[in-house]
N, C-alpha and C. Protein backbone atom coordinates (compact mmCIF):
# COMPACT_ATOMS: atom_id res chain seq x y z
N MET A 1 2.85 -86.47 -55.67
CA MET A 1 3.77 -85.67 -56.45
C MET A 1 3.98 -86.32 -57.82
N ASP A 2 4.12 -85.50 -58.79
CA ASP A 2 4.34 -85.93 -60.17
C ASP A 2 5.83 -85.85 -60.47
N GLY A 3 6.47 -87.00 -60.68
CA GLY A 3 7.91 -87.04 -60.90
C GLY A 3 8.36 -86.26 -62.11
N PHE A 4 7.59 -86.29 -63.19
CA PHE A 4 7.95 -85.56 -64.39
C PHE A 4 8.00 -84.05 -64.14
N ILE A 5 6.99 -83.54 -63.45
CA ILE A 5 6.95 -82.11 -63.16
C ILE A 5 8.16 -81.72 -62.31
N GLU A 6 8.46 -82.53 -61.31
CA GLU A 6 9.58 -82.21 -60.42
C GLU A 6 10.91 -82.28 -61.16
N LEU A 7 11.07 -83.25 -62.05
CA LEU A 7 12.31 -83.35 -62.83
C LEU A 7 12.50 -82.13 -63.74
N LYS A 8 11.42 -81.69 -64.36
CA LYS A 8 11.51 -80.59 -65.32
C LYS A 8 11.58 -79.21 -64.65
N TYR A 9 10.79 -79.01 -63.59
CA TYR A 9 10.66 -77.67 -63.00
C TYR A 9 11.25 -77.53 -61.60
N GLY A 10 11.57 -78.61 -60.96
CA GLY A 10 12.11 -78.57 -59.60
C GLY A 10 11.04 -78.83 -58.56
N LYS A 11 11.40 -78.68 -57.32
CA LYS A 11 10.50 -78.95 -56.20
C LYS A 11 9.29 -78.02 -56.28
N TYR A 12 8.11 -78.57 -56.06
CA TYR A 12 6.89 -77.77 -56.14
C TYR A 12 5.94 -78.11 -55.00
N LYS A 13 5.03 -77.21 -54.76
CA LYS A 13 4.00 -77.38 -53.74
C LYS A 13 2.65 -77.47 -54.45
N GLU A 14 1.76 -78.31 -53.94
CA GLU A 14 0.41 -78.41 -54.49
C GLU A 14 -0.53 -77.51 -53.71
N LEU A 15 -1.43 -76.85 -54.44
CA LEU A 15 -2.45 -75.99 -53.83
C LEU A 15 -3.78 -76.32 -54.47
N ASP A 16 -4.68 -76.90 -53.69
CA ASP A 16 -5.99 -77.32 -54.19
C ASP A 16 -7.01 -76.19 -53.97
N LEU A 17 -7.54 -75.67 -55.06
CA LEU A 17 -8.50 -74.56 -55.00
C LEU A 17 -9.91 -74.97 -55.42
N HIS A 18 -10.17 -76.27 -55.49
CA HIS A 18 -11.52 -76.74 -55.85
C HIS A 18 -12.59 -76.05 -55.01
N GLY A 19 -13.62 -75.59 -55.66
CA GLY A 19 -14.76 -75.03 -54.95
C GLY A 19 -14.57 -73.62 -54.41
N LYS A 20 -13.42 -73.01 -54.64
CA LYS A 20 -13.17 -71.66 -54.14
C LYS A 20 -13.73 -70.62 -55.11
N THR A 21 -14.09 -69.47 -54.58
CA THR A 21 -14.45 -68.35 -55.44
C THR A 21 -13.14 -67.77 -56.00
N ILE A 22 -13.25 -66.95 -57.02
CA ILE A 22 -12.06 -66.33 -57.58
C ILE A 22 -11.37 -65.45 -56.54
N GLN A 23 -12.15 -64.73 -55.76
CA GLN A 23 -11.58 -63.86 -54.72
C GLN A 23 -10.83 -64.70 -53.67
N ASP A 24 -11.43 -65.80 -53.21
CA ASP A 24 -10.77 -66.66 -52.24
C ASP A 24 -9.52 -67.31 -52.84
N ALA A 25 -9.63 -67.74 -54.09
CA ALA A 25 -8.50 -68.36 -54.77
C ALA A 25 -7.33 -67.38 -54.88
N TYR A 26 -7.62 -66.14 -55.23
CA TYR A 26 -6.58 -65.11 -55.33
C TYR A 26 -5.84 -64.97 -54.00
N GLY A 27 -6.61 -64.86 -52.92
CA GLY A 27 -6.00 -64.72 -51.59
C GLY A 27 -5.13 -65.91 -51.23
N GLU A 28 -5.59 -67.10 -51.51
CA GLU A 28 -4.81 -68.30 -51.20
C GLU A 28 -3.56 -68.39 -52.07
N LEU A 29 -3.68 -68.02 -53.33
CA LEU A 29 -2.52 -68.04 -54.23
C LEU A 29 -1.44 -67.07 -53.75
N ILE A 30 -1.83 -65.85 -53.44
CA ILE A 30 -0.87 -64.85 -52.98
C ILE A 30 -0.23 -65.29 -51.67
N HIS A 31 -1.01 -65.80 -50.76
CA HIS A 31 -0.47 -66.29 -49.48
C HIS A 31 0.52 -67.42 -49.72
N CYS A 32 0.16 -68.36 -50.58
CA CYS A 32 1.03 -69.49 -50.87
C CYS A 32 2.35 -69.03 -51.50
N ILE A 33 2.27 -68.13 -52.45
CA ILE A 33 3.47 -67.61 -53.12
C ILE A 33 4.37 -66.89 -52.11
N ASN A 34 3.79 -66.05 -51.28
CA ASN A 34 4.57 -65.27 -50.32
C ASN A 34 5.18 -66.10 -49.19
N SER A 35 4.58 -67.24 -48.89
CA SER A 35 5.09 -68.07 -47.79
C SER A 35 5.89 -69.28 -48.28
N LEU A 36 6.15 -69.34 -49.57
CA LEU A 36 6.86 -70.47 -50.16
C LEU A 36 8.33 -70.47 -49.73
N ASP A 37 8.81 -71.62 -49.27
CA ASP A 37 10.23 -71.75 -48.93
C ASP A 37 11.08 -71.55 -50.18
N LEU A 38 12.30 -71.10 -49.99
CA LEU A 38 13.18 -70.78 -51.12
C LEU A 38 13.53 -71.98 -51.99
N ASP A 39 13.45 -73.19 -51.45
CA ASP A 39 13.81 -74.36 -52.25
C ASP A 39 12.68 -74.82 -53.18
N TYR A 40 11.52 -74.21 -53.09
CA TYR A 40 10.41 -74.54 -54.00
C TYR A 40 10.52 -73.67 -55.25
N ARG A 41 10.29 -74.28 -56.40
CA ARG A 41 10.41 -73.59 -57.68
C ARG A 41 9.08 -73.37 -58.38
N ALA A 42 8.00 -74.00 -57.86
CA ALA A 42 6.71 -73.90 -58.54
C ALA A 42 5.57 -74.25 -57.59
N ILE A 43 4.37 -73.87 -58.02
CA ILE A 43 3.15 -74.25 -57.31
C ILE A 43 2.24 -74.93 -58.32
N LEU A 44 1.82 -76.14 -58.00
CA LEU A 44 0.88 -76.86 -58.85
C LEU A 44 -0.52 -76.55 -58.35
N VAL A 45 -1.23 -75.73 -59.10
CA VAL A 45 -2.57 -75.31 -58.71
C VAL A 45 -3.58 -76.31 -59.27
N ILE A 46 -4.34 -76.89 -58.37
CA ILE A 46 -5.40 -77.82 -58.76
C ILE A 46 -6.70 -77.04 -58.72
N HIS A 47 -7.22 -76.71 -59.89
CA HIS A 47 -8.42 -75.88 -59.97
C HIS A 47 -9.63 -76.65 -60.47
N GLY A 48 -9.42 -77.80 -61.06
CA GLY A 48 -10.51 -78.59 -61.60
C GLY A 48 -11.10 -77.94 -62.84
N TYR A 49 -12.09 -78.63 -63.40
CA TYR A 49 -12.79 -78.09 -64.57
C TYR A 49 -14.16 -78.71 -64.76
N ASN A 50 -14.47 -79.77 -64.03
CA ASN A 50 -15.75 -80.46 -64.20
C ASN A 50 -16.95 -79.63 -63.76
N LEU A 51 -16.78 -78.78 -62.77
CA LEU A 51 -17.89 -77.98 -62.26
C LEU A 51 -17.91 -76.57 -62.84
N GLY A 52 -17.16 -76.36 -63.90
CA GLY A 52 -17.08 -75.05 -64.55
C GLY A 52 -15.62 -74.67 -64.78
N THR A 53 -15.42 -73.70 -65.65
CA THR A 53 -14.06 -73.33 -66.01
C THR A 53 -13.67 -71.91 -65.59
N SER A 54 -14.49 -71.25 -64.82
CA SER A 54 -14.17 -69.86 -64.46
C SER A 54 -12.88 -69.77 -63.65
N LEU A 55 -12.66 -70.67 -62.70
CA LEU A 55 -11.45 -70.65 -61.90
C LEU A 55 -10.23 -71.00 -62.75
N LYS A 56 -10.37 -72.00 -63.59
CA LYS A 56 -9.29 -72.39 -64.50
C LYS A 56 -8.93 -71.22 -65.42
N ASN A 57 -9.93 -70.60 -66.00
CA ASN A 57 -9.68 -69.47 -66.91
C ASN A 57 -9.04 -68.30 -66.18
N TYR A 58 -9.46 -68.04 -64.96
CA TYR A 58 -8.88 -66.96 -64.17
C TYR A 58 -7.39 -67.20 -63.93
N ILE A 59 -7.06 -68.40 -63.47
CA ILE A 59 -5.66 -68.70 -63.16
C ILE A 59 -4.80 -68.65 -64.42
N ARG A 60 -5.28 -69.21 -65.49
CA ARG A 60 -4.48 -69.28 -66.72
C ARG A 60 -4.42 -67.97 -67.49
N ASN A 61 -5.47 -67.17 -67.44
CA ASN A 61 -5.55 -65.99 -68.30
C ASN A 61 -5.47 -64.65 -67.59
N THR A 62 -5.89 -64.60 -66.33
CA THR A 62 -6.01 -63.31 -65.65
C THR A 62 -5.08 -63.15 -64.47
N PHE A 63 -4.90 -64.19 -63.68
CA PHE A 63 -4.08 -64.08 -62.47
C PHE A 63 -2.68 -63.59 -62.83
N ALA A 64 -2.22 -62.59 -62.07
CA ALA A 64 -0.88 -62.05 -62.29
C ALA A 64 -0.22 -61.79 -60.94
N CYS A 65 1.06 -62.06 -60.89
CA CYS A 65 1.85 -61.81 -59.69
C CYS A 65 3.29 -61.63 -60.15
N SER A 66 3.97 -60.66 -59.58
CA SER A 66 5.35 -60.38 -60.00
C SER A 66 6.30 -61.54 -59.70
N MET A 67 5.94 -62.43 -58.81
CA MET A 67 6.79 -63.57 -58.47
C MET A 67 6.64 -64.75 -59.43
N VAL A 68 5.60 -64.72 -60.27
CA VAL A 68 5.34 -65.83 -61.20
C VAL A 68 5.97 -65.49 -62.54
N LYS A 69 6.90 -66.35 -63.00
CA LYS A 69 7.55 -66.08 -64.27
C LYS A 69 6.92 -66.83 -65.43
N ASP A 70 6.15 -67.89 -65.14
CA ASP A 70 5.53 -68.66 -66.22
C ASP A 70 4.35 -69.46 -65.68
N LYS A 71 3.42 -69.75 -66.58
CA LYS A 71 2.29 -70.62 -66.27
C LYS A 71 2.32 -71.76 -67.27
N VAL A 72 2.21 -72.99 -66.76
CA VAL A 72 2.28 -74.17 -67.61
C VAL A 72 0.99 -74.97 -67.43
N ASN A 73 0.27 -75.20 -68.52
CA ASN A 73 -0.95 -75.99 -68.48
C ASN A 73 -0.55 -77.46 -68.42
N ILE A 74 -0.75 -78.09 -67.28
CA ILE A 74 -0.39 -79.49 -67.10
C ILE A 74 -1.45 -80.39 -67.71
N ASP A 75 -2.70 -80.14 -67.37
CA ASP A 75 -3.85 -80.83 -67.96
C ASP A 75 -5.07 -79.95 -67.71
N ALA A 76 -6.25 -80.44 -68.02
CA ALA A 76 -7.45 -79.61 -67.92
C ALA A 76 -7.74 -79.12 -66.51
N GLY A 77 -7.28 -79.83 -65.49
CA GLY A 77 -7.60 -79.47 -64.11
C GLY A 77 -6.46 -78.93 -63.30
N ARG A 78 -5.26 -78.81 -63.91
CA ARG A 78 -4.09 -78.35 -63.15
C ARG A 78 -3.24 -77.39 -63.97
N THR A 79 -2.73 -76.37 -63.29
CA THR A 79 -1.83 -75.39 -63.89
C THR A 79 -0.64 -75.21 -62.97
N LEU A 80 0.56 -75.21 -63.54
CA LEU A 80 1.77 -75.02 -62.77
C LEU A 80 2.21 -73.56 -62.87
N LEU A 81 2.39 -72.93 -61.71
CA LEU A 81 2.92 -71.57 -61.67
C LEU A 81 4.40 -71.68 -61.32
N VAL A 82 5.25 -71.28 -62.26
CA VAL A 82 6.69 -71.33 -62.07
C VAL A 82 7.12 -70.02 -61.40
N ILE A 83 7.84 -70.14 -60.29
CA ILE A 83 8.24 -68.98 -59.50
C ILE A 83 9.59 -68.46 -59.96
N LYS A 84 9.73 -67.14 -59.98
CA LYS A 84 11.01 -66.52 -60.33
C LYS A 84 12.06 -66.88 -59.29
N ASN A 85 13.31 -66.90 -59.72
CA ASN A 85 14.41 -67.13 -58.78
C ASN A 85 14.45 -65.97 -57.78
N ARG A 86 14.61 -66.34 -56.52
CA ARG A 86 14.65 -65.31 -55.47
C ARG A 86 15.99 -65.29 -54.82
């Protein structure tokens, strides 16, 4: 866990999507968002970038969900999805 992220955004869950197709990543993201406990405020998506940027670009530019209020680029391989208050 990254202490800075937790201090700024609250409790978060990590989701590693390395090596997933965009379709598989979408399914895992939606499942993770829908099953997130109420005390979690964000999901740290680990998508990587060394083996290509299609997954990173999808998450940062295309992925949409009504439960996500913001996307924060943490570094080249990780994106934080901030969840709306429920």
